[in-house]
Amino acid sequence: MEVLVKLVRAALLAAVAATAALGASAQTSPAGPYVVAALGRTNYDYDCWFLAACDNARATAGKIGGGWRFGVFAVEGWWIDYGNAPTQRRHEELHMRSLGLNAAWYLRLGSSVEGLLRAGAADVRHARSGDGEKRSLNATFGLGLVVDVAPSAALELAWDVTGADGNNSGSTLANSLSLGLRLRF
C-alpha cells in the first residue's frame, strides 16, 4: 500500500504541474459529458506481507464509467470489476471490485491523441475464498491514451491501479490494462 500512496502523490504533483502548464490549451480541449465501457486484463499481486514476495494471479476485467470534462480537467466516476482469479492455494479465488471518484488531467499529444492521468479514491471490495469480503476506501491511480476515431467517439487504452487488504490475508495490488470505447455528448 505504501507504494500505491507514493504513486498517487507523485501523480497528483505531476497533474498540478501539467494543469498549470496546459492552461492555455484548455480553450481547444473538448468540454462536456462522456461515458466509457472497457474490457481488459488484471494482474493481482496478493498475499504481500512486509518484506516478503507477493504471489501473482490474472483475471479478465471490465469497467464502466463516465465523467464531465472541463477543458484539460475532468471529474469521473467508475465501477471496475477486476475479475475472479484462482490463487496458488487450491480451490481459492480472489476478486476485487471498486466504485470510485477520480480527478483526471489531459495532455494533447497530437491532433487526435491525448494522454490521460487520473487519481482519486474508491470503495474497494476485496473478496477471497476462506477469507470473506472486506470493504475499504483506497487510493486509485491511472494512466491512459485517448485516440479520437470520430467526432464524438474515441478509443481509450488505460492502466488502472488500486490496492486493498484482506481480512486475514496480506494486501493485494490490482493492475488492470483495458481497451474501451469512449462516447462524448
Protein backbone atom coordinates (compact mmCIF):
# COMPACT_ATOMS: atom_id res chain seq x y z
CA MET A 1 0.00 0.00 0.00
CA GLU A 2 2.90 2.37 0.68
CA VAL A 3 3.99 2.07 -2.95
CA LEU A 4 0.47 2.95 -4.11
CA VAL A 5 0.36 6.01 -1.84
CA LYS A 6 3.72 7.20 -3.23
CA LEU A 7 2.44 6.68 -6.79
CA VAL A 8 -0.69 8.70 -6.11
CA ARG A 9 1.32 11.53 -4.51
CA ALA A 10 3.67 11.66 -7.49
CA ALA A 11 0.71 11.57 -9.88
CA LEU A 12 -1.02 14.44 -8.10
CA LEU A 13 2.14 16.56 -8.18
CA ALA A 14 2.57 15.80 -11.89
CA ALA A 15 -1.07 16.65 -12.51
CA VAL A 16 -0.78 20.02 -10.78
CA ALA A 17 2.30 20.85 -12.85
CA ALA A 18 0.63 19.66 -16.07
CA THR A 19 -2.53 21.64 -15.35
CA ALA A 20 -0.53 24.80 -14.77
CA ALA A 21 1.47 24.26 -17.95
CA LEU A 22 -1.57 23.43 -20.04
CA GLY A 23 -3.85 26.29 -19.04
CA ALA A 24 -3.62 27.85 -22.48
CA SER A 25 -4.63 24.65 -24.28
CA ALA A 26 -7.87 24.39 -22.27
CA GLN A 27 -9.59 26.60 -24.85
CA THR A 28 -9.07 23.97 -27.58
CA SER A 29 -9.90 20.91 -25.44
CA PRO A 30 -13.43 19.47 -25.58
CA ALA A 31 -15.80 20.02 -22.67
CA GLY A 32 -18.90 18.15 -21.59
CA PRO A 33 -20.07 14.70 -20.51
CA TYR A 34 -18.71 11.33 -21.64
CA VAL A 35 -19.14 7.61 -20.90
CA VAL A 36 -16.65 4.75 -21.25
CA ALA A 37 -17.04 0.97 -21.35
CA ALA A 38 -13.93 -1.21 -21.44
CA LEU A 39 -12.60 -4.76 -21.13
CA GLY A 40 -9.13 -5.81 -20.16
CA ARG A 41 -6.78 -7.94 -18.11
CA THR A 42 -5.95 -7.66 -14.41
CA ASN A 43 -2.76 -8.73 -12.73
CA TYR A 44 -3.17 -9.32 -8.99
CA ASP A 45 -0.16 -9.22 -6.66
CA TYR A 46 -1.57 -10.75 -3.48
CA ASP A 47 -0.51 -12.02 -0.06
CA CYS A 48 2.00 -9.19 0.14
CA TRP A 49 3.44 -9.02 3.64
CA PHE A 50 6.13 -6.68 4.91
CA LEU A 51 9.45 -7.51 3.16
CA ALA A 52 8.00 -10.66 1.58
CA ALA A 53 7.42 -11.58 -2.01
CA CYS A 54 3.88 -11.46 -3.38
CA ASP A 55 2.01 -14.22 -5.18
CA ASN A 56 0.55 -13.47 -8.60
CA ALA A 57 -2.76 -14.18 -10.39
CA ARG A 58 -4.55 -12.93 -13.53
CA ALA A 59 -8.19 -12.28 -14.39
CA THR A 60 -10.42 -10.65 -17.01
CA ALA A 61 -11.57 -7.15 -16.04
CA GLY A 62 -14.40 -4.85 -17.05
CA LYS A 63 -15.20 -1.24 -16.27
CA ILE A 64 -17.94 1.27 -16.86
CA GLY A 65 -17.61 4.95 -16.11
CA GLY A 66 -18.38 8.45 -17.05
CA GLY A 67 -17.41 11.97 -16.35
CA TRP A 68 -17.64 15.62 -17.13
CA ARG A 69 -14.74 17.30 -18.83
CA PHE A 70 -13.78 20.95 -18.27
CA GLY A 71 -11.01 21.51 -20.85
CA VAL A 72 -7.86 19.76 -19.59
CA PHE A 73 -9.50 18.71 -16.31
CA ALA A 74 -12.33 16.20 -15.66
CA VAL A 75 -14.25 14.62 -12.81
CA GLU A 76 -15.03 10.92 -13.28
CA GLY A 77 -16.96 8.12 -11.63
CA TRP A 78 -16.01 4.47 -12.23
CA TRP A 79 -17.18 0.96 -11.45
CA ILE A 80 -14.39 -1.55 -12.09
CA ASP A 81 -14.65 -5.32 -11.72
CA TYR A 82 -11.07 -6.56 -11.61
CA GLY A 83 -12.24 -10.15 -12.12
CA ASN A 84 -12.07 -13.55 -10.41
CA ALA A 85 -8.61 -15.10 -10.29
CA PRO A 86 -7.60 -18.51 -8.97
CA THR A 87 -4.94 -18.23 -6.27
CA GLN A 88 -2.00 -20.57 -5.82
CA ARG A 89 -3.83 -22.20 -2.94
CA ARG A 90 -6.04 -24.97 -4.23
CA HIS A 91 -9.74 -24.11 -4.74
CA GLU A 92 -9.37 -20.46 -3.69
CA GLU A 93 -10.33 -17.39 -5.70
CA LEU A 94 -9.55 -13.71 -5.33
CA HIS A 95 -11.91 -10.98 -6.56
CA MET A 96 -11.79 -7.18 -6.29
CA ARG A 97 -14.37 -4.60 -7.34
CA SER A 98 -14.32 -0.84 -6.87
CA LEU A 99 -16.63 2.14 -7.13
CA GLY A 100 -14.65 5.35 -7.27
CA LEU A 101 -14.37 9.05 -7.97
CA ASN A 102 -11.36 10.47 -9.81
CA ALA A 103 -9.93 13.72 -11.00
CA ALA A 104 -8.41 13.44 -14.47
CA TRP A 105 -5.99 15.61 -16.44
CA TYR A 106 -5.45 15.53 -20.19
CA LEU A 107 -2.40 16.37 -22.29
CA ARG A 108 -2.84 16.80 -26.05
CA LEU A 109 -0.19 14.70 -27.83
CA GLY A 110 -1.39 15.21 -31.40
CA SER A 111 -4.41 16.32 -33.40
CA SER A 112 -6.43 13.25 -32.36
CA VAL A 113 -4.45 11.79 -29.43
CA GLU A 114 -4.41 12.75 -25.75
CA GLY A 115 -2.58 11.42 -22.74
CA LEU A 116 -4.60 10.93 -19.56
CA LEU A 117 -3.67 10.94 -15.87
CA ARG A 118 -6.28 10.06 -13.25
CA ALA A 119 -6.15 9.85 -9.47
CA GLY A 120 -8.80 9.51 -6.81
CA ALA A 121 -10.37 7.27 -4.21
CA ALA A 122 -12.59 4.21 -4.39
CA ASP A 123 -14.68 1.97 -2.19
CA VAL A 124 -12.85 -1.31 -2.88
CA ARG A 125 -14.34 -4.73 -2.10
CA HIS A 126 -11.71 -7.41 -1.59
CA ALA A 127 -13.12 -10.96 -1.51
CA ARG A 128 -11.24 -14.20 -1.17
CA SER A 129 -12.38 -17.77 -0.64
CA GLY A 130 -11.96 -18.69 3.00
CA ASP A 131 -11.25 -15.07 3.98
CA GLY A 132 -14.60 -13.41 3.35
CA GLU A 133 -15.10 -9.92 1.98
CA LYS A 134 -13.64 -6.67 3.24
CA ARG A 135 -14.51 -3.14 2.10
CA SER A 136 -12.13 -0.23 2.38
CA LEU A 137 -11.54 3.23 0.96
CA ASN A 138 -8.34 3.20 -1.11
CA ALA A 139 -6.40 5.44 -3.47
CA THR A 140 -6.66 4.84 -7.21
CA PHE A 141 -4.28 5.82 -9.97
CA GLY A 142 -4.42 5.53 -13.74
CA LEU A 143 -2.75 6.46 -17.00
CA GLY A 144 -4.33 6.37 -20.40
CA LEU A 145 -4.22 7.20 -24.06
CA VAL A 146 -7.35 8.53 -25.79
CA VAL A 147 -7.45 8.28 -29.60
CA ASP A 148 -10.31 10.00 -31.46
CA VAL A 149 -11.93 7.77 -34.09
CA ALA A 150 -14.94 10.03 -34.84
CA PRO A 151 -16.11 13.49 -33.73
CA SER A 152 -17.88 12.07 -30.66
CA ALA A 153 -16.13 8.70 -30.21
CA ALA A 154 -12.66 7.62 -29.12
CA LEU A 155 -10.74 4.53 -28.10
CA GLU A 156 -9.28 4.59 -24.60
CA LEU A 157 -6.29 2.43 -23.65
CA ALA A 158 -5.97 2.64 -19.86
CA TRP A 159 -3.93 1.28 -16.97
CA ASP A 160 -5.70 1.41 -13.59
CA VAL A 161 -4.21 0.54 -10.20
CA THR A 162 -5.68 0.17 -6.71
CA GLY A 163 -4.97 -1.85 -3.62
CA ALA A 164 -6.84 -3.46 -0.74
CA ASP A 165 -6.26 -5.58 2.34
CA GLY A 166 -7.99 -8.87 3.06
CA ASN A 167 -9.42 -9.86 6.42
CA ASN A 168 -6.70 -12.38 7.28
CA SER A 169 -4.62 -12.31 4.12
CA GLY A 170 -1.98 -9.76 3.18
CA SER A 171 -2.51 -6.79 0.91
CA THR A 172 -3.46 -7.08 -2.76
CA LEU A 173 -2.49 -4.74 -5.59
CA ALA A 174 -4.65 -4.87 -8.74
CA ASN A 175 -3.19 -3.58 -12.04
CA SER A 176 -5.64 -3.55 -14.93
CA LEU A 177 -4.88 -2.83 -18.59
CA SER A 178 -8.03 -2.19 -20.64
CA LEU A 179 -9.23 -1.03 -24.04
CA GLY A 180 -12.59 0.68 -24.30
CA LEU A 181 -14.94 2.90 -26.23
CA ARG A 182 -15.48 6.50 -25.09
CA LEU A 183 -18.54 8.42 -26.26
CA ARG A 184 -18.83 12.21 -25.84
CA PHE A 185 -22.12 14.09 -25.72
